[in-house]
């Protein structure tokens, strides 16, 4: 029995975030402000990058709730940048399920908008999505 199993189910809030090929399933649990990603402390998982940590916790900081909820994340796919942005979207969606008044603030900051830019597929006859082979005159 883990520490999470002792918490009643009715005070867990869920949100899913996606960015590029990264997917983050986020659980917000009332606590002290810990960030745990794939079972590791958030700082070590995000390689102690202050930028990734700031991005991941931005919705909580905007609302002033950074020391009131623990963030437990299960993430896969993509790189650290995509995963950090997916975590941000998941946290923002979970905060909207806590209180619908948070939605207006998060929406105006752009935290509830999914960034739909993904890698373009490779086309037949080209080297990459748009790069053509070198032109030969003869």
N, C-alpha and C. Protein backbone atom coordinates (compact mmCIF):
# COMPACT_ATOMS: atom_id res chain seq x y z
N UNK A 1 0.84 -1.18 0.00
CA UNK A 1 0.00 0.00 0.00
C UNK A 1 0.89 1.24 0.00
N UNK A 2 0.72 2.07 -1.00
CA UNK A 2 1.57 3.25 -1.12
C UNK A 2 0.92 4.44 -0.43
N UNK A 3 1.67 5.52 -0.42
CA UNK A 3 1.19 6.75 0.21
C UNK A 3 -0.05 7.29 -0.49
N UNK A 4 -0.11 7.12 -1.84
CA UNK A 4 -1.26 7.62 -2.60
C UNK A 4 -2.53 6.85 -2.31
N UNK A 5 -2.40 5.57 -1.94
CA UNK A 5 -3.59 4.76 -1.67
C UNK A 5 -4.32 5.18 -0.40
N UNK A 6 -3.62 5.87 0.52
CA UNK A 6 -4.24 6.29 1.77
C UNK A 6 -5.13 7.52 1.61
N UNK A 7 -5.00 8.22 0.47
CA UNK A 7 -5.78 9.43 0.24
C UNK A 7 -7.12 9.05 -0.37
N UNK A 8 -8.23 9.56 0.16
CA UNK A 8 -9.54 9.24 -0.42
C UNK A 8 -9.63 9.68 -1.88
N UNK A 9 -10.36 8.91 -2.68
CA UNK A 9 -10.45 9.18 -4.11
C UNK A 9 -11.15 10.49 -4.44
N UNK A 10 -11.96 11.00 -3.53
CA UNK A 10 -12.75 12.18 -3.86
C UNK A 10 -11.95 13.47 -3.82
N UNK A 11 -10.68 13.45 -3.40
CA UNK A 11 -9.89 14.69 -3.42
C UNK A 11 -8.70 14.58 -4.34
N UNK A 12 -8.83 13.79 -5.39
CA UNK A 12 -7.84 13.74 -6.46
C UNK A 12 -8.45 14.40 -7.68
N UNK A 13 -7.64 15.18 -8.37
CA UNK A 13 -8.11 15.88 -9.57
C UNK A 13 -7.20 15.48 -10.73
N UNK A 14 -7.81 15.16 -11.86
CA UNK A 14 -7.07 14.61 -12.99
C UNK A 14 -7.10 15.56 -14.18
N UNK A 15 -6.03 15.52 -14.96
CA UNK A 15 -5.95 16.27 -16.21
C UNK A 15 -4.96 15.60 -17.14
N UNK A 16 -5.24 15.63 -18.42
CA UNK A 16 -4.34 15.06 -19.41
C UNK A 16 -3.84 16.16 -20.32
N UNK A 17 -2.53 16.17 -20.54
CA UNK A 17 -1.94 17.16 -21.42
C UNK A 17 -1.17 16.49 -22.53
N UNK A 18 -1.17 17.11 -23.71
CA UNK A 18 -0.42 16.58 -24.85
C UNK A 18 0.33 17.71 -25.53
N UNK A 19 1.52 17.37 -26.04
CA UNK A 19 2.32 18.33 -26.80
C UNK A 19 3.26 17.54 -27.69
N UNK A 20 3.26 17.82 -29.00
CA UNK A 20 4.01 17.02 -29.97
C UNK A 20 3.66 15.55 -29.77
N UNK A 21 4.61 14.70 -29.44
CA UNK A 21 4.26 13.29 -29.22
C UNK A 21 4.31 12.93 -27.74
N UNK A 22 4.35 13.92 -26.86
CA UNK A 22 4.40 13.69 -25.42
C UNK A 22 2.99 13.68 -24.83
N UNK A 23 2.76 12.78 -23.90
CA UNK A 23 1.47 12.69 -23.20
C UNK A 23 1.76 12.69 -21.71
N UNK A 24 1.04 13.52 -20.96
CA UNK A 24 1.22 13.59 -19.51
C UNK A 24 -0.13 13.40 -18.84
N UNK A 25 -0.22 12.41 -17.95
CA UNK A 25 -1.42 12.21 -17.13
C UNK A 25 -1.10 12.77 -15.75
N UNK A 26 -1.84 13.78 -15.35
CA UNK A 26 -1.54 14.55 -14.15
C UNK A 26 -2.60 14.29 -13.09
N UNK A 27 -2.15 14.10 -11.84
CA UNK A 27 -3.04 14.02 -10.68
C UNK A 27 -2.65 15.12 -9.72
N UNK A 28 -3.60 15.92 -9.31
CA UNK A 28 -3.37 16.94 -8.28
C UNK A 28 -3.97 16.42 -6.98
N UNK A 29 -3.15 16.42 -5.93
CA UNK A 29 -3.57 15.92 -4.64
C UNK A 29 -3.23 16.99 -3.60
N UNK A 30 -4.14 17.34 -2.71
CA UNK A 30 -3.80 18.33 -1.68
C UNK A 30 -2.54 17.90 -0.92
N UNK A 31 -1.59 18.83 -0.81
CA UNK A 31 -0.32 18.49 -0.18
C UNK A 31 0.55 19.72 0.01
N UNK A 32 1.87 19.51 -0.18
CA UNK A 32 2.83 20.57 0.15
C UNK A 32 3.51 21.17 -1.06
N UNK A 33 3.11 20.82 -2.28
CA UNK A 33 3.71 21.42 -3.46
C UNK A 33 4.79 20.59 -4.12
N UNK A 34 4.83 19.29 -3.86
CA UNK A 34 5.82 18.42 -4.49
C UNK A 34 5.47 18.18 -5.95
N UNK A 35 6.50 17.98 -6.77
CA UNK A 35 6.33 17.58 -8.16
C UNK A 35 7.01 16.23 -8.33
N UNK A 36 6.24 15.20 -8.67
CA UNK A 36 6.79 13.86 -8.86
C UNK A 36 6.41 13.40 -10.26
N UNK A 37 7.45 13.09 -11.07
CA UNK A 37 7.25 12.69 -12.45
C UNK A 37 7.81 11.29 -12.63
N UNK A 38 6.97 10.36 -13.05
CA UNK A 38 7.35 8.96 -13.26
C UNK A 38 8.07 8.37 -12.05
N UNK A 39 7.63 8.72 -10.86
CA UNK A 39 8.20 8.18 -9.64
C UNK A 39 9.47 8.86 -9.17
N UNK A 40 9.96 9.85 -9.89
CA UNK A 40 11.17 10.58 -9.51
C UNK A 40 10.80 12.00 -9.09
N UNK A 41 11.63 12.64 -8.27
CA UNK A 41 11.40 14.06 -7.98
C UNK A 41 11.46 14.87 -9.28
N UNK A 42 10.59 15.86 -9.39
CA UNK A 42 10.50 16.63 -10.63
C UNK A 42 11.79 17.31 -11.02
N UNK A 43 12.57 17.77 -10.04
CA UNK A 43 13.81 18.47 -10.34
C UNK A 43 14.80 17.54 -11.04
N UNK A 44 14.93 16.32 -10.55
CA UNK A 44 15.88 15.40 -11.17
C UNK A 44 15.37 14.90 -12.52
N UNK A 45 14.05 14.67 -12.66
CA UNK A 45 13.52 14.20 -13.93
C UNK A 45 13.70 15.26 -15.02
N UNK A 46 13.47 16.51 -14.67
CA UNK A 46 13.60 17.61 -15.63
C UNK A 46 15.02 18.17 -15.67
N UNK A 47 15.98 17.41 -15.14
CA UNK A 47 17.41 17.71 -15.20
C UNK A 47 17.76 19.05 -14.56
N UNK A 48 17.08 19.38 -13.48
CA UNK A 48 17.34 20.59 -12.70
C UNK A 48 17.27 21.87 -13.53
N UNK A 49 16.53 21.82 -14.63
CA UNK A 49 16.38 22.99 -15.49
C UNK A 49 15.32 23.92 -14.90
N UNK A 50 15.70 25.14 -14.54
CA UNK A 50 14.70 26.05 -13.96
C UNK A 50 13.60 26.40 -14.95
N UNK A 51 13.93 26.40 -16.25
CA UNK A 51 12.93 26.73 -17.26
C UNK A 51 11.84 25.65 -17.33
N UNK A 52 12.24 24.37 -17.35
CA UNK A 52 11.25 23.29 -17.40
C UNK A 52 10.42 23.25 -16.13
N UNK A 53 11.04 23.50 -14.98
CA UNK A 53 10.29 23.51 -13.72
C UNK A 53 9.30 24.67 -13.69
N UNK A 54 9.72 25.82 -14.19
CA UNK A 54 8.83 26.99 -14.23
C UNK A 54 7.65 26.74 -15.16
N UNK A 55 7.92 26.14 -16.32
CA UNK A 55 6.84 25.83 -17.27
C UNK A 55 5.84 24.86 -16.67
N UNK A 56 6.35 23.80 -16.02
CA UNK A 56 5.48 22.75 -15.49
C UNK A 56 4.55 23.25 -14.40
N UNK A 57 5.03 24.15 -13.55
CA UNK A 57 4.24 24.61 -12.41
C UNK A 57 3.59 25.98 -12.64
N UNK A 58 3.67 26.49 -13.86
CA UNK A 58 3.16 27.83 -14.14
C UNK A 58 1.69 28.04 -13.79
N UNK A 59 0.77 27.09 -14.11
CA UNK A 59 -0.63 27.34 -13.76
C UNK A 59 -0.86 27.49 -12.25
N UNK A 60 -0.14 26.71 -11.45
CA UNK A 60 -0.27 26.84 -9.99
C UNK A 60 0.27 28.17 -9.50
N UNK A 61 1.38 28.65 -10.09
CA UNK A 61 1.98 29.91 -9.68
C UNK A 61 1.08 31.09 -10.02
N UNK A 62 0.41 31.03 -11.17
CA UNK A 62 -0.50 32.11 -11.57
C UNK A 62 -1.65 32.25 -10.58
N UNK A 63 -2.15 31.11 -10.11
CA UNK A 63 -3.29 31.13 -9.19
C UNK A 63 -2.86 31.24 -7.73
N UNK A 64 -1.55 31.19 -7.46
CA UNK A 64 -1.05 31.28 -6.09
C UNK A 64 -1.30 30.02 -5.27
N UNK A 65 -1.37 28.87 -5.93
CA UNK A 65 -1.64 27.60 -5.25
C UNK A 65 -0.42 26.69 -5.25
N UNK A 66 0.79 27.24 -5.43
CA UNK A 66 1.96 26.39 -5.63
C UNK A 66 2.34 25.54 -4.44
N UNK A 67 1.95 25.87 -3.21
CA UNK A 67 2.27 25.04 -2.05
C UNK A 67 1.06 24.32 -1.48
N UNK A 68 -0.02 24.23 -2.26
CA UNK A 68 -1.24 23.60 -1.76
C UNK A 68 -1.53 22.25 -2.38
N UNK A 69 -0.92 21.94 -3.53
CA UNK A 69 -1.20 20.67 -4.21
C UNK A 69 0.11 19.98 -4.60
N UNK A 70 0.12 18.66 -4.41
CA UNK A 70 1.20 17.83 -4.94
C UNK A 70 0.82 17.44 -6.35
N UNK A 71 1.81 17.43 -7.24
CA UNK A 71 1.57 17.07 -8.64
C UNK A 71 2.23 15.72 -8.89
N UNK A 72 1.43 14.73 -9.23
CA UNK A 72 1.95 13.40 -9.59
C UNK A 72 1.67 13.20 -11.07
N UNK A 73 2.75 12.94 -11.82
CA UNK A 73 2.64 12.89 -13.28
C UNK A 73 3.15 11.55 -13.79
N UNK A 74 2.43 11.01 -14.75
CA UNK A 74 2.89 9.85 -15.51
C UNK A 74 3.03 10.35 -16.94
N UNK A 75 4.26 10.40 -17.46
CA UNK A 75 4.46 10.98 -18.79
C UNK A 75 5.26 10.03 -19.66
N UNK A 76 5.02 10.12 -20.96
CA UNK A 76 5.74 9.28 -21.91
C UNK A 76 5.77 9.97 -23.26
N UNK A 77 6.75 9.60 -24.07
CA UNK A 77 6.87 10.11 -25.43
C UNK A 77 7.51 11.48 -25.48
N UNK A 78 8.10 11.79 -26.62
CA UNK A 78 8.68 13.10 -26.85
C UNK A 78 9.92 13.36 -26.03
N UNK A 79 10.32 14.62 -25.96
CA UNK A 79 11.47 15.03 -25.18
C UNK A 79 11.04 15.82 -23.97
N UNK A 80 12.01 16.39 -23.28
CA UNK A 80 11.70 17.11 -22.05
C UNK A 80 10.86 18.36 -22.30
N UNK A 81 11.12 19.07 -23.39
CA UNK A 81 10.34 20.28 -23.68
C UNK A 81 8.88 19.93 -23.92
N UNK A 82 8.63 18.92 -24.74
CA UNK A 82 7.26 18.50 -25.00
C UNK A 82 6.58 17.99 -23.74
N UNK A 83 7.33 17.25 -22.91
CA UNK A 83 6.75 16.72 -21.69
C UNK A 83 6.44 17.84 -20.69
N UNK A 84 7.32 18.84 -20.59
CA UNK A 84 7.07 19.96 -19.67
C UNK A 84 5.82 20.73 -20.09
N UNK A 85 5.66 20.96 -21.39
CA UNK A 85 4.47 21.66 -21.86
C UNK A 85 3.21 20.81 -21.72
N UNK A 86 3.34 19.49 -21.87
CA UNK A 86 2.20 18.60 -21.66
C UNK A 86 1.79 18.60 -20.19
N UNK A 87 2.76 18.64 -19.29
CA UNK A 87 2.47 18.70 -17.85
C UNK A 87 1.73 20.00 -17.53
N UNK A 88 2.17 21.09 -18.14
CA UNK A 88 1.51 22.39 -17.91
C UNK A 88 0.04 22.34 -18.31
N UNK A 89 -0.26 21.76 -19.47
CA UNK A 89 -1.64 21.66 -19.91
C UNK A 89 -2.44 20.75 -19.00
N UNK A 90 -1.85 19.64 -18.58
CA UNK A 90 -2.55 18.72 -17.68
C UNK A 90 -2.86 19.34 -16.33
N UNK A 91 -1.90 20.11 -15.78
CA UNK A 91 -2.12 20.79 -14.50
C UNK A 91 -3.23 21.83 -14.65
N UNK A 92 -3.21 22.57 -15.75
CA UNK A 92 -4.24 23.59 -15.97
C UNK A 92 -5.63 22.96 -16.07
N UNK A 93 -5.74 21.84 -16.75
CA UNK A 93 -7.04 21.17 -16.88
C UNK A 93 -7.50 20.62 -15.54
N UNK A 94 -6.56 20.10 -14.75
CA UNK A 94 -6.94 19.59 -13.43
C UNK A 94 -7.41 20.73 -12.53
N UNK A 95 -6.77 21.89 -12.62
CA UNK A 95 -7.19 23.04 -11.82
C UNK A 95 -8.58 23.52 -12.20
N UNK A 96 -8.94 23.38 -13.47
CA UNK A 96 -10.30 23.75 -13.90
C UNK A 96 -11.34 22.81 -13.30
N UNK A 97 -10.96 21.55 -13.08
CA UNK A 97 -11.92 20.62 -12.47
C UNK A 97 -12.07 20.89 -10.98
N UNK A 98 -11.08 21.53 -10.36
CA UNK A 98 -11.19 21.89 -8.94
C UNK A 98 -12.19 23.01 -8.76
N UNK A 99 -12.01 24.07 -9.55
CA UNK A 99 -12.86 25.25 -9.41
C UNK A 99 -13.03 25.87 -10.79
N UNK A 100 -14.26 26.03 -11.24
CA UNK A 100 -14.50 26.56 -12.58
C UNK A 100 -14.12 28.04 -12.69
N UNK A 101 -13.93 28.74 -11.56
CA UNK A 101 -13.50 30.13 -11.63
C UNK A 101 -12.06 30.27 -12.08
N UNK A 102 -11.26 29.20 -11.95
CA UNK A 102 -9.88 29.23 -12.41
C UNK A 102 -9.79 29.29 -13.92
N UNK A 103 -10.83 28.83 -14.59
CA UNK A 103 -10.79 28.71 -16.04
C UNK A 103 -10.52 30.03 -16.75
N UNK A 104 -11.15 31.11 -16.30
CA UNK A 104 -10.98 32.41 -16.96
C UNK A 104 -9.53 32.89 -16.88
N UNK A 105 -8.92 32.76 -15.72
CA UNK A 105 -7.53 33.20 -15.53
C UNK A 105 -6.58 32.35 -16.37
N UNK A 106 -6.76 31.03 -16.34
CA UNK A 106 -5.87 30.14 -17.09
C UNK A 106 -6.05 30.30 -18.59
N UNK A 107 -7.28 30.54 -19.03
CA UNK A 107 -7.55 30.72 -20.45
C UNK A 107 -6.90 32.00 -20.97
N UNK A 108 -6.96 33.07 -20.17
CA UNK A 108 -6.37 34.34 -20.62
C UNK A 108 -4.84 34.26 -20.68
N UNK A 109 -4.23 33.41 -19.87
CA UNK A 109 -2.78 33.21 -19.91
C UNK A 109 -2.37 32.24 -21.02
N UNK A 110 -3.34 31.54 -21.63
CA UNK A 110 -3.05 30.61 -22.71
C UNK A 110 -2.67 29.22 -22.24
N UNK A 111 -2.94 28.88 -20.99
CA UNK A 111 -2.55 27.58 -20.45
C UNK A 111 -3.54 26.47 -20.78
N UNK A 112 -4.71 26.80 -21.29
CA UNK A 112 -5.70 25.78 -21.62
C UNK A 112 -5.74 25.49 -23.12
N UNK A 113 -4.83 26.07 -23.88
CA UNK A 113 -4.80 25.86 -25.32
C UNK A 113 -3.77 24.79 -25.65
N UNK A 114 -4.20 23.76 -26.36
CA UNK A 114 -3.27 22.71 -26.74
C UNK A 114 -2.48 23.19 -27.95
N UNK A 115 -1.15 23.11 -27.87
CA UNK A 115 -0.27 23.51 -28.97
C UNK A 115 -0.27 22.38 -30.00
N UNK A 116 -0.89 22.61 -31.14
CA UNK A 116 -1.14 21.54 -32.11
C UNK A 116 0.01 21.34 -33.09
N UNK A 117 1.12 22.06 -32.93
CA UNK A 117 2.23 21.93 -33.88
C UNK A 117 2.95 20.60 -33.66
N UNK A 118 2.92 19.76 -34.69
CA UNK A 118 3.62 18.48 -34.63
C UNK A 118 4.51 18.37 -35.87
N UNK A 119 5.37 17.36 -35.87
CA UNK A 119 6.28 17.18 -36.98
C UNK A 119 5.50 16.80 -38.23
N UNK A 120 5.83 17.46 -39.34
CA UNK A 120 5.17 17.19 -40.61
C UNK A 120 5.68 15.88 -41.20
N UNK A 121 4.82 15.13 -41.84
CA UNK A 121 5.23 13.83 -42.37
C UNK A 121 6.10 13.99 -43.61
N UNK A 122 6.92 12.97 -43.85
CA UNK A 122 7.80 12.96 -45.01
C UNK A 122 6.98 12.63 -46.25
N UNK A 123 7.27 13.33 -47.36
CA UNK A 123 6.55 13.09 -48.61
C UNK A 123 7.41 12.28 -49.58
N UNK A 124 6.72 11.53 -50.41
CA UNK A 124 7.37 10.70 -51.42
C UNK A 124 8.17 11.59 -52.38
N UNK A 125 9.40 11.18 -52.70
CA UNK A 125 10.22 11.92 -53.65
C UNK A 125 11.05 13.02 -53.01
N UNK A 126 10.84 13.28 -51.72
CA UNK A 126 11.61 14.31 -51.02
C UNK A 126 12.47 13.66 -49.95
N UNK A 127 13.52 14.38 -49.54
CA UNK A 127 14.41 13.84 -48.52
C UNK A 127 13.79 13.94 -47.11
N UNK A 128 13.15 15.06 -46.84
CA UNK A 128 12.42 15.24 -45.57
C UNK A 128 11.02 15.71 -45.93
N UNK A 129 10.36 16.43 -45.03
CA UNK A 129 8.99 16.86 -45.32
C UNK A 129 8.94 17.81 -46.52
N UNK A 130 9.94 18.70 -46.63
CA UNK A 130 9.94 19.68 -47.72
C UNK A 130 11.26 19.76 -48.47
N UNK A 131 12.31 19.14 -47.96
CA UNK A 131 13.63 19.24 -48.59
C UNK A 131 13.68 18.37 -49.83
N UNK A 132 13.96 19.01 -50.97
CA UNK A 132 14.02 18.29 -52.24
C UNK A 132 15.44 17.83 -52.53
N UNK A 133 15.59 16.78 -53.36
CA UNK A 133 16.95 16.39 -53.75
C UNK A 133 17.63 17.50 -54.54
N UNK A 134 18.96 17.49 -54.55
CA UNK A 134 19.69 18.54 -55.26
C UNK A 134 19.38 18.48 -56.74
N UNK A 135 19.16 19.65 -57.33
CA UNK A 135 18.83 19.75 -58.74
C UNK A 135 20.10 19.53 -59.56
N UNK A 136 19.98 18.70 -60.58
CA UNK A 136 21.10 18.46 -61.49
C UNK A 136 20.67 18.85 -62.90
N UNK A 137 21.44 19.75 -63.53
CA UNK A 137 21.05 20.24 -64.85
C UNK A 137 21.30 19.19 -65.92
N UNK A 138 22.39 18.43 -65.78
CA UNK A 138 22.72 17.38 -66.77
C UNK A 138 22.92 16.04 -66.13
